[in-house]
């Protein structure tokens, strides 16, 4: 009986060892893809906003209440057309006071001139009166100029693209109350990271994506690049010209992909199949690690210059826990 128990235990141990060995040596199921031929494009990504080429903001120079405004949003206006008026009652009162003082100063100057001709007044008193008149004339001229700032006018011929002013509100200096410009042509103003800007050139094609026109193919061309970048955000402003028939509207946000270069008939594999510049391919029943010579790296696919054959069976996604030479079985081609 004792021998029987020993033999039974040995049999169980051998069975467990054999099962463990089989479990450890069983092929790992993997999925593979075959590289394909296609177009690979090197791009620079940026985000942008659609704006007119020619436009201007109309802001107030003084803090005062709006008492009148035009109903002209979307309408064509001429340069100098009145868009809004601010409450200028205090400024006008100040002007009337200065004009009254100027009249008195001029009368005093004329009186002293007559007396000076008769040697009844000193030349010094006449000079002081002349200086007083000159100072008041300058104050009146300056106040009249300030009164003009209470009237907001169109800075150029164009369309009132937007109005953000309401009668009764307080106009704050520097706050845009009107946008005036030409609705065509349009530009995309994009901010490109400083590490990418050396690759961006005038004339390059750009592909755009807009949530408003998700199914439309939208394109633009790099029109100009601002020479000085933003040292805080580390970006450069790039202007992209839109075609006249673009469906995009002023103020829309777009994703911008500036095409730097294109490789035709490139050998492509999914980005998910790579870790750095390495992939696994299936050769026979083994997973073999290969190092690739990479060309253009896209968001979804990578151009392979060398390292694998065009008909290679590439494991995808990249198997992080797989070792070189491990047995595999194909779960799906």
C-alpha atoms as a PDB file:
ATOM      1  CA  UNK A   1       0.000   0.000   0.000  1.00  0.00           C
ATOM      2  CA  UNK A   2       2.809   2.370   0.829  1.00  0.00           C
ATOM      3  CA  UNK A   3       4.438   1.727  -2.543  1.00  0.00           C
ATOM      4  CA  UNK A   4       1.111   2.327  -4.233  1.00  0.00           C
ATOM      5  CA  UNK A   5       0.740   5.717  -2.513  1.00  0.00           C
ATOM      6  CA  UNK A   6       4.256   6.706  -3.554  1.00  0.00           C
ATOM      7  CA  UNK A   7       3.600   5.752  -7.149  1.00  0.00           C
ATOM      8  CA  UNK A   8       0.332   7.676  -7.101  1.00  0.00           C
ATOM      9  CA  UNK A   9       2.030  10.822  -5.798  1.00  0.00           C
ATOM     10  CA  UNK A  10       4.790  10.505  -8.390  1.00  0.00           C
ATOM     11  CA  UNK A  11       2.192  10.126 -11.145  1.00  0.00           C
ATOM     12  CA  UNK A  12       0.342  13.219  -9.974  1.00  0.00           C
ATOM     13  CA  UNK A  13       3.546  15.248  -9.817  1.00  0.00           C
ATOM     14  CA  UNK A  14       4.558  14.140 -13.292  1.00  0.00           C
ATOM     15  CA  UNK A  15       1.102  14.987 -14.625  1.00  0.00           C
ATOM     16  CA  UNK A  16       1.217  18.447 -13.087  1.00  0.00           C
ATOM     17  CA  UNK A  17       4.734  19.038 -14.403  1.00  0.00           C
ATOM     18  CA  UNK A  18       3.730  17.908 -17.859  1.00  0.00           C
ATOM     19  CA  UNK A  19       0.658  20.117 -17.786  1.00  0.00           C
ATOM     20  CA  UNK A  20       2.731  23.074 -16.635  1.00  0.00           C
ATOM     21  CA  UNK A  21       5.317  22.468 -19.311  1.00  0.00           C
ATOM     22  CA  UNK A  22       2.587  22.247 -21.934  1.00  0.00           C
ATOM     23  CA  UNK A  23       0.999  25.465 -20.612  1.00  0.00           C
ATOM     24  CA  UNK A  24       4.300  27.313 -20.687  1.00  0.00           C
ATOM     25  CA  UNK A  25       5.197  26.066 -24.143  1.00  0.00           C
ATOM     26  CA  UNK A  26       1.821  26.525 -25.776  1.00  0.00           C
ATOM     27  CA  UNK A  27       1.796  28.989 -28.754  1.00  0.00           C
ATOM     28  CA  UNK A  28       0.709  32.557 -27.982  1.00  0.00           C
ATOM     29  CA  UNK A  29      -2.218  33.691 -30.145  1.00  0.00           C
ATOM     30  CA  UNK A  30      -1.478  36.906 -32.060  1.00  0.00           C
ATOM     31  CA  UNK A  31      -3.132  39.001 -34.752  1.00  0.00           C
ATOM     32  CA  UNK A  32      -1.171  40.099 -37.793  1.00  0.00           C
ATOM     33  CA  UNK A  33      -1.434  42.557 -40.632  1.00  0.00           C
ATOM     34  CA  UNK A  34       0.332  42.838 -43.976  1.00  0.00           C
ATOM     35  CA  UNK A  35       1.984  46.157 -44.893  1.00  0.00           C
ATOM     36  CA  UNK A  36       0.185  48.093 -47.587  1.00  0.00           C
ATOM     37  CA  UNK A  37       1.167  50.608 -50.229  1.00  0.00           C
ATOM     38  CA  UNK A  38      -0.135  54.152 -50.072  1.00  0.00           C
ATOM     39  CA  UNK A  39       0.624  57.830 -49.662  1.00  0.00           C
ATOM     40  CA  UNK A  40       2.541  58.952 -46.587  1.00  0.00           C
ATOM     41  CA  UNK A  41       2.418  62.599 -45.626  1.00  0.00           C
ATOM     42  CA  UNK A  42       4.577  64.428 -43.114  1.00  0.00           C
ATOM     43  CA  UNK A  43       2.412  67.064 -41.469  1.00  0.00           C
ATOM     44  CA  UNK A  44       2.592  69.830 -38.898  1.00  0.00           C
ATOM     45  CA  UNK A  45      -0.492  70.108 -36.711  1.00  0.00           C
ATOM     46  CA  UNK A  46      -1.978  73.347 -35.416  1.00  0.00           C
ATOM     47  CA  UNK A  47      -5.315  74.774 -34.351  1.00  0.00           C
ATOM     48  CA  UNK A  48      -6.736  77.877 -35.984  1.00  0.00           C
ATOM     49  CA  UNK A  49      -9.628  80.314 -36.328  1.00  0.00           C
ATOM     50  CA  UNK A  50     -11.253  81.641 -39.511  1.00  0.00           C
ATOM     51  CA  UNK A  51     -10.927  85.414 -39.920  1.00  0.00           C
ATOM     52  CA  UNK A  52     -11.313  87.939 -42.756  1.00  0.00           C
ATOM     53  CA  UNK A  53      -8.136  89.171 -44.385  1.00  0.00           C
ATOM     54  CA  UNK A  54      -9.207  92.821 -43.963  1.00  0.00           C
ATOM     55  CA  UNK A  55     -11.072  93.806 -40.816  1.00  0.00           C
ATOM     56  CA  UNK A  56     -10.819  95.974 -37.726  1.00  0.00           C
ATOM     57  CA  UNK A  57     -12.239  96.195 -34.232  1.00  0.00           C
ATOM     58  CA  UNK A  58     -14.057  99.341 -33.172  1.00  0.00           C
ATOM     59  CA  UNK A  59     -13.442 100.207 -29.529  1.00  0.00           C
ATOM     60  CA  UNK A  60     -14.178 103.123 -27.264  1.00  0.00           C
ATOM     61  CA  UNK A  61     -11.436 105.432 -26.008  1.00  0.00           C
ATOM     62  CA  UNK A  62     -13.508 106.637 -23.048  1.00  0.00           C
ATOM     63  CA  UNK A  63     -15.613 104.953 -20.398  1.00  0.00           C
ATOM     64  CA  UNK A  64     -19.130 106.207 -20.931  1.00  0.00           C
ATOM     65  CA  UNK A  65     -22.710 105.026 -21.424  1.00  0.00           C
ATOM     66  CA  UNK A  66     -23.938 104.144 -24.913  1.00  0.00           C
ATOM     67  CA  UNK A  67     -26.930 106.311 -25.838  1.00  0.00           C
ATOM     68  CA  UNK A  68     -27.321 105.470 -29.537  1.00  0.00           C
ATOM     69  CA  UNK A  69     -26.236 102.739 -31.953  1.00  0.00           C
ATOM     70  CA  UNK A  70     -26.926 101.716 -35.509  1.00  0.00           C
ATOM     71  CA  UNK A  71     -28.989  98.650 -36.438  1.00  0.00           C
ATOM     72  CA  UNK A  72     -26.383  97.662 -38.996  1.00  0.00           C
ATOM     73  CA  UNK A  73     -25.068  94.193 -38.136  1.00  0.00           C
ATOM     74  CA  UNK A  74     -24.471  92.394 -41.422  1.00  0.00           C
ATOM     75  CA  UNK A  75     -24.915  95.620 -43.392  1.00  0.00           C
ATOM     76  CA  UNK A  76     -22.455  97.418 -45.669  1.00  0.00           C
ATOM     77  CA  UNK A  77     -21.166 100.710 -44.244  1.00  0.00           C
ATOM     78  CA  UNK A  78     -18.909 103.476 -45.543  1.00  0.00           C
ATOM     79  CA  UNK A  79     -15.757 104.685 -43.857  1.00  0.00           C
ATOM     80  CA  UNK A  80     -16.685 107.259 -41.201  1.00  0.00           C
ATOM     81  CA  UNK A  81     -20.285 106.070 -40.813  1.00  0.00           C
ATOM     82  CA  UNK A  82     -21.593 106.519 -37.259  1.00  0.00           C
ATOM     83  CA  UNK A  83     -21.937 103.168 -35.498  1.00  0.00           C
ATOM     84  CA  UNK A  84     -22.675 104.408 -31.978  1.00  0.00           C
ATOM     85  CA  UNK A  85     -22.735 107.507 -29.800  1.00  0.00           C
ATOM     86  CA  UNK A  86     -21.704 107.783 -26.169  1.00  0.00           C
ATOM     87  CA  UNK A  87     -23.099 110.137 -23.536  1.00  0.00           C
ATOM     88  CA  UNK A  88     -21.037 113.295 -24.019  1.00  0.00           C
ATOM     89  CA  UNK A  89     -23.072 115.661 -21.800  1.00  0.00           C
ATOM     90  CA  UNK A  90     -20.265 116.208 -19.261  1.00  0.00           C
ATOM     91  CA  UNK A  91     -17.660 116.666 -21.984  1.00  0.00           C
ATOM     92  CA  UNK A  92     -19.917 119.155 -23.786  1.00  0.00           C
ATOM     93  CA  UNK A  93     -20.461 121.112 -20.555  1.00  0.00           C
ATOM     94  CA  UNK A  94     -16.702 121.279 -20.069  1.00  0.00           C
ATOM     95  CA  UNK A  95     -16.332 122.543 -23.643  1.00  0.00           C
ATOM     96  CA  UNK A  96     -18.964 125.260 -23.112  1.00  0.00           C
ATOM     97  CA  UNK A  97     -17.152 126.415 -19.973  1.00  0.00           C
ATOM     98  CA  UNK A  98     -13.823 126.593 -21.820  1.00  0.00           C
ATOM     99  CA  UNK A  99     -15.398 128.488 -24.726  1.00  0.00           C
ATOM    100  CA  UNK A 100     -16.917 131.017 -22.260  1.00  0.00           C
ATOM    101  CA  UNK A 101     -13.528 131.534 -20.603  1.00  0.00           C
ATOM    102  CA  UNK A 102     -11.955 131.946 -24.037  1.00  0.00           C
ATOM    103  CA  UNK A 103     -14.438 134.658 -24.986  1.00  0.00           C
ATOM    104  CA  UNK A 104     -13.685 136.572 -21.792  1.00  0.00           C
ATOM    105  CA  UNK A 105      -9.945 136.154 -22.304  1.00  0.00           C
ATOM    106  CA  UNK A 106     -10.170 137.513 -25.851  1.00  0.00           C
ATOM    107  CA  UNK A 107     -12.205 140.512 -24.700  1.00  0.00           C
ATOM    108  CA  UNK A 108      -9.633 141.198 -21.985  1.00  0.00           C
ATOM    109  CA  UNK A 109      -6.856 140.884 -24.559  1.00  0.00           C
ATOM    110  CA  UNK A 110      -8.564 143.395 -26.874  1.00  0.00           C
ATOM    111  CA  UNK A 111      -9.093 145.825 -23.966  1.00  0.00           C
ATOM    112  CA  UNK A 112      -5.447 145.612 -22.930  1.00  0.00           C
ATOM    113  CA  UNK A 113      -4.322 146.043 -26.521  1.00  0.00           C
ATOM    114  CA  UNK A 114      -6.195 149.341 -26.723  1.00  0.00           C
ATOM    115  CA  UNK A 115      -4.813 150.495 -23.376  1.00  0.00           C
ATOM    116  CA  UNK A 116      -1.299 149.460 -24.317  1.00  0.00           C
ATOM    117  CA  UNK A 117      -1.522 151.529 -27.513  1.00  0.00           C
ATOM    118  CA  UNK A 118      -2.371 154.506 -25.309  1.00  0.00           C
ATOM    119  CA  UNK A 119       0.398 153.605 -22.873  1.00  0.00           C
ATOM    120  CA  UNK A 120      -2.294 152.990 -20.223  1.00  0.00           C
ATOM    121  CA  UNK A 121      -1.404 149.315 -19.730  1.00  0.00           C
ATOM    122  CA  UNK A 122       1.914 147.562 -19.467  1.00  0.00           C
ATOM    123  CA  UNK A 123       3.317 145.357 -22.194  1.00  0.00           C
ATOM    124  CA  UNK A 124       3.735 142.661 -19.557  1.00  0.00           C
ATOM    125  CA  UNK A 125      -0.011 142.610 -18.809  1.00  0.00           C
ATOM    126  CA  UNK A 126      -0.750 142.363 -22.548  1.00  0.00           C
ATOM    127  CA  UNK A 127       1.668 139.423 -22.901  1.00  0.00           C
ATOM    128  CA  UNK A 128      -0.027 137.623 -20.020  1.00  0.00           C
ATOM    129  CA  UNK A 129      -3.406 138.127 -21.695  1.00  0.00           C
ATOM    130  CA  UNK A 130      -2.039 136.785 -25.000  1.00  0.00           C
ATOM    131  CA  UNK A 131      -0.690 133.705 -23.205  1.00  0.00           C
ATOM    132  CA  UNK A 132      -4.052 133.154 -21.517  1.00  0.00           C
ATOM    133  CA  UNK A 133      -5.854 133.283 -24.872  1.00  0.00           C
ATOM    134  CA  UNK A 134      -3.403 130.850 -26.457  1.00  0.00           C
ATOM    135  CA  UNK A 135      -3.751 128.378 -23.589  1.00  0.00           C
ATOM    136  CA  UNK A 136      -7.550 128.483 -23.694  1.00  0.00           C
ATOM    137  CA  UNK A 137      -7.581 128.067 -27.464  1.00  0.00           C
ATOM    138  CA  UNK A 138      -5.467 124.926 -27.066  1.00  0.00           C
ATOM    139  CA  UNK A 139      -7.782 123.613 -24.327  1.00  0.00           C
ATOM    140  CA  UNK A 140     -10.864 124.219 -26.502  1.00  0.00           C
ATOM    141  CA  UNK A 141      -9.265 122.462 -29.473  1.00  0.00           C
ATOM    142  CA  UNK A 142      -8.286 119.500 -27.299  1.00  0.00           C
ATOM    143  CA  UNK A 143     -11.764 119.226 -25.787  1.00  0.00           C
ATOM    144  CA  UNK A 144     -13.365 119.280 -29.258  1.00  0.00           C
ATOM    145  CA  UNK A 145     -11.027 116.483 -30.315  1.00  0.00           C
ATOM    146  CA  UNK A 146     -12.000 114.489 -27.237  1.00  0.00           C
ATOM    147  CA  UNK A 147     -15.670 114.994 -28.038  1.00  0.00           C
ATOM    148  CA  UNK A 148     -15.108 113.232 -31.356  1.00  0.00           C
ATOM    149  CA  UNK A 149     -14.061 110.112 -29.431  1.00  0.00           C
ATOM    150  CA  UNK A 150     -17.618 109.906 -28.079  1.00  0.00           C
ATOM    151  CA  UNK A 151     -18.731 108.987 -31.590  1.00  0.00           C
ATOM    152  CA  UNK A 152     -17.753 105.508 -32.824  1.00  0.00           C
ATOM    153  CA  UNK A 153     -17.283 105.429 -36.586  1.00  0.00           C
ATOM    154  CA  UNK A 154     -16.551 102.736 -39.168  1.00  0.00           C
ATOM    155  CA  UNK A 155     -12.767 102.662 -39.728  1.00  0.00           C
ATOM    156  CA  UNK A 156     -13.104 101.589 -43.366  1.00  0.00           C
ATOM    157  CA  UNK A 157     -15.588 100.540 -46.004  1.00  0.00           C
ATOM    158  CA  UNK A 158     -16.938  97.085 -45.204  1.00  0.00           C
ATOM    159  CA  UNK A 159     -19.597  94.985 -43.538  1.00  0.00           C
ATOM    160  CA  UNK A 160     -20.472  95.180 -39.861  1.00  0.00           C
ATOM    161  CA  UNK A 161     -19.508  91.589 -39.105  1.00  0.00           C
ATOM    162  CA  UNK A 162     -20.613  91.695 -35.488  1.00  0.00           C
ATOM    163  CA  UNK A 163     -22.100  94.110 -32.982  1.00  0.00           C
ATOM    164  CA  UNK A 164     -21.528  93.707 -29.262  1.00  0.00           C
ATOM    165  CA  UNK A 165     -22.984  97.018 -28.111  1.00  0.00           C
ATOM    166  CA  UNK A 166     -26.344  97.719 -26.536  1.00  0.00           C
ATOM    167  CA  UNK A 167     -27.898 101.089 -25.685  1.00  0.00           C
ATOM    168  CA  UNK A 168     -27.586 101.745 -21.959  1.00  0.00           C
ATOM    169  CA  UNK A 169     -24.437  99.677 -21.462  1.00  0.00           C
ATOM    170  CA  UNK A 170     -21.141 101.192 -20.340  1.00  0.00           C
ATOM    171  CA  UNK A 171     -18.500 101.169 -23.059  1.00  0.00           C
ATOM    172  CA  UNK A 172     -15.171 100.184 -21.541  1.00  0.00           C
ATOM    173  CA  UNK A 173     -11.969 101.466 -23.203  1.00  0.00           C
ATOM    174  CA  UNK A 174     -10.316  98.737 -25.266  1.00  0.00           C
ATOM    175  CA  UNK A 175     -13.403  96.501 -25.418  1.00  0.00           C
ATOM    176  CA  UNK A 176     -14.456  95.748 -29.000  1.00  0.00           C
ATOM    177  CA  UNK A 177     -18.003  96.911 -29.683  1.00  0.00           C
ATOM    178  CA  UNK A 178     -18.088  96.387 -33.449  1.00  0.00           C
ATOM    179  CA  UNK A 179     -16.160  94.318 -36.009  1.00  0.00           C
ATOM    180  CA  UNK A 180     -16.019  95.868 -39.476  1.00  0.00           C
ATOM    181  CA  UNK A 181     -14.398  94.244 -42.495  1.00  0.00           C
ATOM    182  CA  UNK A 182     -14.753  92.434 -45.789  1.00  0.00           C
ATOM    183  CA  UNK A 183     -16.372  88.961 -45.577  1.00  0.00           C
ATOM    184  CA  UNK A 184     -14.098  87.722 -48.372  1.00  0.00           C
ATOM    185  CA  UNK A 185     -11.312  86.670 -48.752  1.00  0.00           C
ATOM    186  CA  UNK A 186     -10.940  84.566 -45.621  1.00  0.00           C
ATOM    187  CA  UNK A 187      -7.869  83.326 -43.770  1.00  0.00           C
ATOM    188  CA  UNK A 188      -7.183  80.735 -41.118  1.00  0.00           C
ATOM    189  CA  UNK A 189      -5.003  82.167 -38.354  1.00  0.00           C
ATOM    190  CA  UNK A 190      -3.128  79.246 -36.788  1.00  0.00           C
ATOM    191  CA  UNK A 191      -0.586  79.016 -33.978  1.00  0.00           C
ATOM    192  CA  UNK A 192       2.290  76.634 -34.793  1.00  0.00           C
ATOM    193  CA  UNK A 193       4.705  75.385 -32.130  1.00  0.00           C
ATOM    194  CA  UNK A 194       8.205  76.851 -32.353  1.00  0.00           C
ATOM    195  CA  UNK A 195       9.821  73.421 -32.859  1.00  0.00           C
ATOM    196  CA  UNK A 196       7.680  72.891 -35.977  1.00  0.00           C
ATOM    197  CA  UNK A 197       7.856  76.345 -37.543  1.00  0.00           C
ATOM    198  CA  UNK A 198      11.217  75.818 -39.362  1.00  0.00           C
ATOM    199  CA  UNK A 199       9.488  73.212 -41.544  1.00  0.00           C
ATOM    200  CA  UNK A 200       6.579  75.456 -42.513  1.00  0.00           C
ATOM    201  CA  UNK A 201       6.973  77.430 -45.762  1.00  0.00           C
ATOM    202  CA  UNK A 202       4.782  79.822 -47.740  1.00  0.00           C
ATOM    203  CA  UNK A 203       2.872  77.976 -50.458  1.00  0.00           C
ATOM    204  CA  UNK A 204       2.531  74.658 -48.630  1.00  0.00           C
ATOM    205  CA  UNK A 205      -0.845  72.925 -48.801  1.00  0.00           C
ATOM    206  CA  UNK A 206      -2.875  72.399 -45.630  1.00  0.00           C
ATOM    207  CA  UNK A 207      -5.756  70.057 -44.882  1.00  0.00           C
ATOM    208  CA  UNK A 208      -8.421  71.388 -42.543  1.00  0.00           C
ATOM    209  CA  UNK A 209     -11.001  69.741 -40.347  1.00  0.00           C
ATOM    210  CA  UNK A 210     -14.068  71.494 -38.982  1.00  0.00           C
ATOM    211  CA  UNK A 211     -16.788  70.014 -36.796  1.00  0.00           C
ATOM    212  CA  UNK A 212     -19.320  72.052 -38.781  1.00  0.00           C
ATOM    213  CA  UNK A 213     -18.299  70.312 -42.025  1.00  0.00           C
ATOM    214  CA  UNK A 214     -17.006  66.967 -40.783  1.00  0.00           C
ATOM    215  CA  UNK A 215     -17.641  65.185 -44.096  1.00  0.00           C
ATOM    216  CA  UNK A 216     -16.145  67.900 -46.330  1.00  0.00           C
ATOM    217  CA  UNK A 217     -12.562  67.966 -47.621  1.00  0.00           C
ATOM    218  CA  UNK A 218     -11.288  71.426 -46.761  1.00  0.00           C
ATOM    219  CA  UNK A 219      -7.977  72.843 -47.939  1.00  0.00           C
ATOM    220  CA  UNK A 220      -5.912  76.009 -47.585  1.00  0.00           C
ATOM    221  CA  UNK A 221      -2.485  77.328 -48.574  1.00  0.00           C
ATOM    222  CA  UNK A 222       0.142  78.880 -46.280  1.00  0.00           C
ATOM    223  CA  UNK A 223      -0.039  82.594 -47.083  1.00  0.00           C
ATOM    224  CA  UNK A 224       2.385  84.176 -44.604  1.00  0.00           C
ATOM    225  CA  UNK A 225       4.279  83.537 -41.370  1.00  0.00           C
ATOM    226  CA  UNK A 226       4.695  86.168 -38.652  1.00  0.00           C
ATOM    227  CA  UNK A 227       8.472  86.726 -38.231  1.00  0.00           C
ATOM    228  CA  UNK A 228       8.292  87.211 -34.439  1.00  0.00           C
ATOM    229  CA  UNK A 229       6.948  84.417 -32.294  1.00  0.00           C
ATOM    230  CA  UNK A 230       5.179  84.462 -28.937  1.00  0.00           C
ATOM    231  CA  UNK A 231       7.877  83.723 -26.318  1.00  0.00           C
ATOM    232  CA  UNK A 232       5.265  82.885 -23.666  1.00  0.00           C
ATOM    233  CA  UNK A 233       3.215  80.341 -25.602  1.00  0.00           C
ATOM    234  CA  UNK A 234       6.202  79.390 -27.800  1.00  0.00           C
ATOM    235  CA  UNK A 235       4.174  79.629 -30.991  1.00  0.00           C
ATOM    236  CA  UNK A 236       4.323  81.431 -34.318  1.00  0.00           C
ATOM    237  CA  UNK A 237       1.306  82.852 -36.132  1.00  0.00           C
ATOM    238  CA  UNK A 238       0.717  81.330 -39.557  1.00  0.00           C
ATOM    239  CA  UNK A 239      -1.887  82.685 -41.983  1.00  0.00           C
ATOM    240  CA  UNK A 240      -3.465  80.250 -44.431  1.00  0.00           C
ATOM    241  CA  UNK A 241      -5.470  81.474 -47.415  1.00  0.00           C
ATOM    242  CA  UNK A 242      -8.849  79.850 -47.990  1.00  0.00           C
ATOM    243  CA  UNK A 243     -10.435  79.443 -51.448  1.00  0.00           C
ATOM    244  CA  UNK A 244     -13.269  81.824 -52.323  1.00  0.00           C
ATOM    245  CA  UNK A 245     -15.825  79.002 -52.319  1.00  0.00           C
ATOM    246  CA  UNK A 246     -14.955  77.724 -48.840  1.00  0.00           C
ATOM    247  CA  UNK A 247     -18.001  76.910 -46.687  1.00  0.00           C
ATOM    248  CA  UNK A 248     -16.163  77.984 -43.536  1.00  0.00           C
ATOM    249  CA  UNK A 249     -17.511  81.039 -41.742  1.00  0.00           C
ATOM    250  CA  UNK A 250     -15.822  83.798 -39.786  1.00  0.00           C
ATOM    251  CA  UNK A 251     -15.072  82.748 -36.225  1.00  0.00           C
ATOM    252  CA  UNK A 252     -15.107  78.978 -36.821  1.00  0.00           C
ATOM    253  CA  UNK A 253     -12.333  76.908 -35.251  1.00  0.00           C
ATOM    254  CA  UNK A 254     -10.485  74.342 -37.360  1.00  0.00           C
ATOM    255  CA  UNK A 255      -7.791  71.705 -36.995  1.00  0.00           C
ATOM    256  CA  UNK A 256      -4.924  72.439 -39.385  1.00  0.00           C
ATOM    257  CA  UNK A 257      -2.581  69.827 -40.893  1.00  0.00           C
ATOM    258  CA  UNK A 258       0.135  71.543 -42.935  1.00  0.00           C
ATOM    259  CA  UNK A 259       1.596  69.093 -45.460  1.00  0.00           C
ATOM    260  CA  UNK A 260       5.397  69.303 -45.296  1.00  0.00           C
ATOM    261  CA  UNK A 261       6.205  66.507 -47.767  1.00  0.00           C
ATOM    262  CA  UNK A 262       4.501  63.520 -49.384  1.00  0.00           C
ATOM    263  CA  UNK A 263       5.906  60.069 -50.179  1.00  0.00           C
ATOM    264  CA  UNK A 264       4.052  58.237 -52.974  1.00  0.00           C
ATOM    265  CA  UNK A 265       3.610  54.445 -53.017  1.00  0.00           C
ATOM    266  CA  UNK A 266       5.131  54.119 -49.549  1.00  0.00           C
ATOM    267  CA  UNK A 267       5.175  50.862 -47.577  1.00  0.00           C
ATOM    268  CA  UNK A 268       2.927  51.510 -44.584  1.00  0.00           C
ATOM    269  CA  UNK A 269       2.291  49.752 -41.276  1.00  0.00           C
ATOM    270  CA  UNK A 270      -0.012  50.872 -38.448  1.00  0.00           C
ATOM    271  CA  UNK A 271       1.564  53.003 -35.727  1.00  0.00           C
ATOM    272  CA  UNK A 272       0.112  50.558 -33.175  1.00  0.00           C
ATOM    273  CA  UNK A 273       2.392  47.820 -34.509  1.00  0.00           C
ATOM    274  CA  UNK A 274       5.557  49.704 -33.505  1.00  0.00           C
ATOM    275  CA  UNK A 275       7.382  50.438 -30.309  1.00  0.00           C
ATOM    276  CA  UNK A 276       9.926  53.033 -31.292  1.00  0.00           C
ATOM    277  CA  UNK A 277      11.374  51.627 -34.511  1.00  0.00           C
ATOM    278  CA  UNK A 278      10.813  47.928 -33.718  1.00  0.00           C
ATOM    279  CA  UNK A 279       8.105  45.448 -34.745  1.00  0.00           C
ATOM    280  CA  UNK A 280       7.434  41.740 -34.400  1.00  0.00           C
ATOM    281  CA  UNK A 281       6.865  39.616 -37.500  1.00  0.00           C
ATOM    282  CA  UNK A 282       5.739  36.014 -37.699  1.00  0.00           C
ATOM    283  CA  UNK A 283       8.219  33.678 -39.380  1.00  0.00           C
ATOM    284  CA  UNK A 284       7.069  30.077 -39.397  1.00  0.00           C
ATOM    285  CA  UNK A 285       5.575  29.602 -35.956  1.00  0.00           C
ATOM    286  CA  UNK A 286       7.861  32.096 -34.185  1.00  0.00           C
ATOM    287  CA  UNK A 287       7.672  35.785 -33.362  1.00  0.00           C
ATOM    288  CA  UNK A 288      10.806  37.523 -34.583  1.00  0.00           C
ATOM    289  CA  UNK A 289      11.725  41.078 -33.596  1.00  0.00           C
ATOM    290  CA  UNK A 290      12.811  43.398 -36.411  1.00  0.00           C
ATOM    291  CA  UNK A 291      14.307  46.913 -36.339  1.00  0.00           C
ATOM    292  CA  UNK A 292      12.946  49.210 -39.041  1.00  0.00           C
ATOM    293  CA  UNK A 293      14.289  52.167 -40.950  1.00  0.00           C
ATOM    294  CA  UNK A 294      11.437  54.651 -40.533  1.00  0.00           C
ATOM    295  CA  UNK A 295      10.495  57.401 -42.960  1.00  0.00           C
ATOM    296  CA  UNK A 296       7.417  59.553 -42.390  1.00  0.00           C
ATOM    297  CA  UNK A 297       5.552  59.050 -39.128  1.00  0.00           C
ATOM    298  CA  UNK A 298       1.857  59.801 -39.467  1.00  0.00           C
ATOM    299  CA  UNK A 299      -0.834  59.797 -36.815  1.00  0.00           C
ATOM    300  CA  UNK A 300      -2.203  56.414 -37.891  1.00  0.00           C
ATOM    301  CA  UNK A 301       0.486  54.873 -40.098  1.00  0.00           C
ATOM    302  CA  UNK A 302       4.273  54.842 -40.458  1.00  0.00           C
ATOM    303  CA  UNK A 303       6.363  54.664 -43.629  1.00  0.00           C
ATOM    304  CA  UNK A 304       8.825  51.749 -43.632  1.00  0.00           C
ATOM    305  CA  UNK A 305      11.968  52.325 -45.693  1.00  0.00           C
ATOM    306  CA  UNK A 306      13.605  48.974 -44.890  1.00  0.00           C
ATOM    307  CA  UNK A 307      13.638  46.174 -42.307  1.00  0.00           C
ATOM    308  CA  UNK A 308      10.729  43.978 -43.407  1.00  0.00           C
ATOM    309  CA  UNK A 309       9.481  42.486 -46.662  1.00  0.00           C
ATOM    310  CA  UNK A 310       6.323  43.891 -48.323  1.00  0.00           C
ATOM    311  CA  UNK A 311       4.526  40.581 -47.609  1.00  0.00           C
ATOM    312  CA  UNK A 312       5.668  40.287 -43.988  1.00  0.00           C
ATOM    313  CA  UNK A 313       3.134  39.245 -41.361  1.00  0.00           C
ATOM    314  CA  UNK A 314       3.442  42.025 -38.796  1.00  0.00           C
ATOM    315  CA  UNK A 315       1.991  41.494 -35.332  1.00  0.00           C
ATOM    316  CA  UNK A 316      -0.379  44.334 -34.474  1.00  0.00           C
ATOM    317  CA  UNK A 317      -0.811  45.825 -31.965  1.00  0.00           C
ATOM    318  CA  UNK A 318       2.736  45.607 -30.653  1.00  0.00           C
ATOM    319  CA  UNK A 319       2.898  42.701 -28.138  1.00  0.00           C
ATOM    320  CA  UNK A 320       4.489  44.232 -25.045  1.00  0.00           C
ATOM    321  CA  UNK A 321       4.774  40.885 -23.191  1.00  0.00           C
ATOM    322  CA  UNK A 322       6.089  38.811 -26.099  1.00  0.00           C
ATOM    323  CA  UNK A 323       9.725  37.715 -26.389  1.00  0.00           C
ATOM    324  CA  UNK A 324      11.888  37.265 -29.451  1.00  0.00           C
ATOM    325  CA  UNK A 325      11.603  33.693 -30.779  1.00  0.00           C
ATOM    326  CA  UNK A 326       8.458  32.772 -28.847  1.00  0.00           C
ATOM    327  CA  UNK A 327       6.081  30.340 -30.538  1.00  0.00           C
ATOM    328  CA  UNK A 328       2.885  31.965 -31.766  1.00  0.00           C
ATOM    329  CA  UNK A 329      -0.279  30.955 -33.496  1.00  0.00           C
ATOM    330  CA  UNK A 330      -2.242  33.207 -35.824  1.00  0.00           C
ATOM    331  CA  UNK A 331      -5.562  34.227 -34.358  1.00  0.00           C
ATOM    332  CA  UNK A 332      -6.449  36.298 -37.406  1.00  0.00           C
ATOM    333  CA  UNK A 333      -4.674  37.348 -40.587  1.00  0.00           C
END
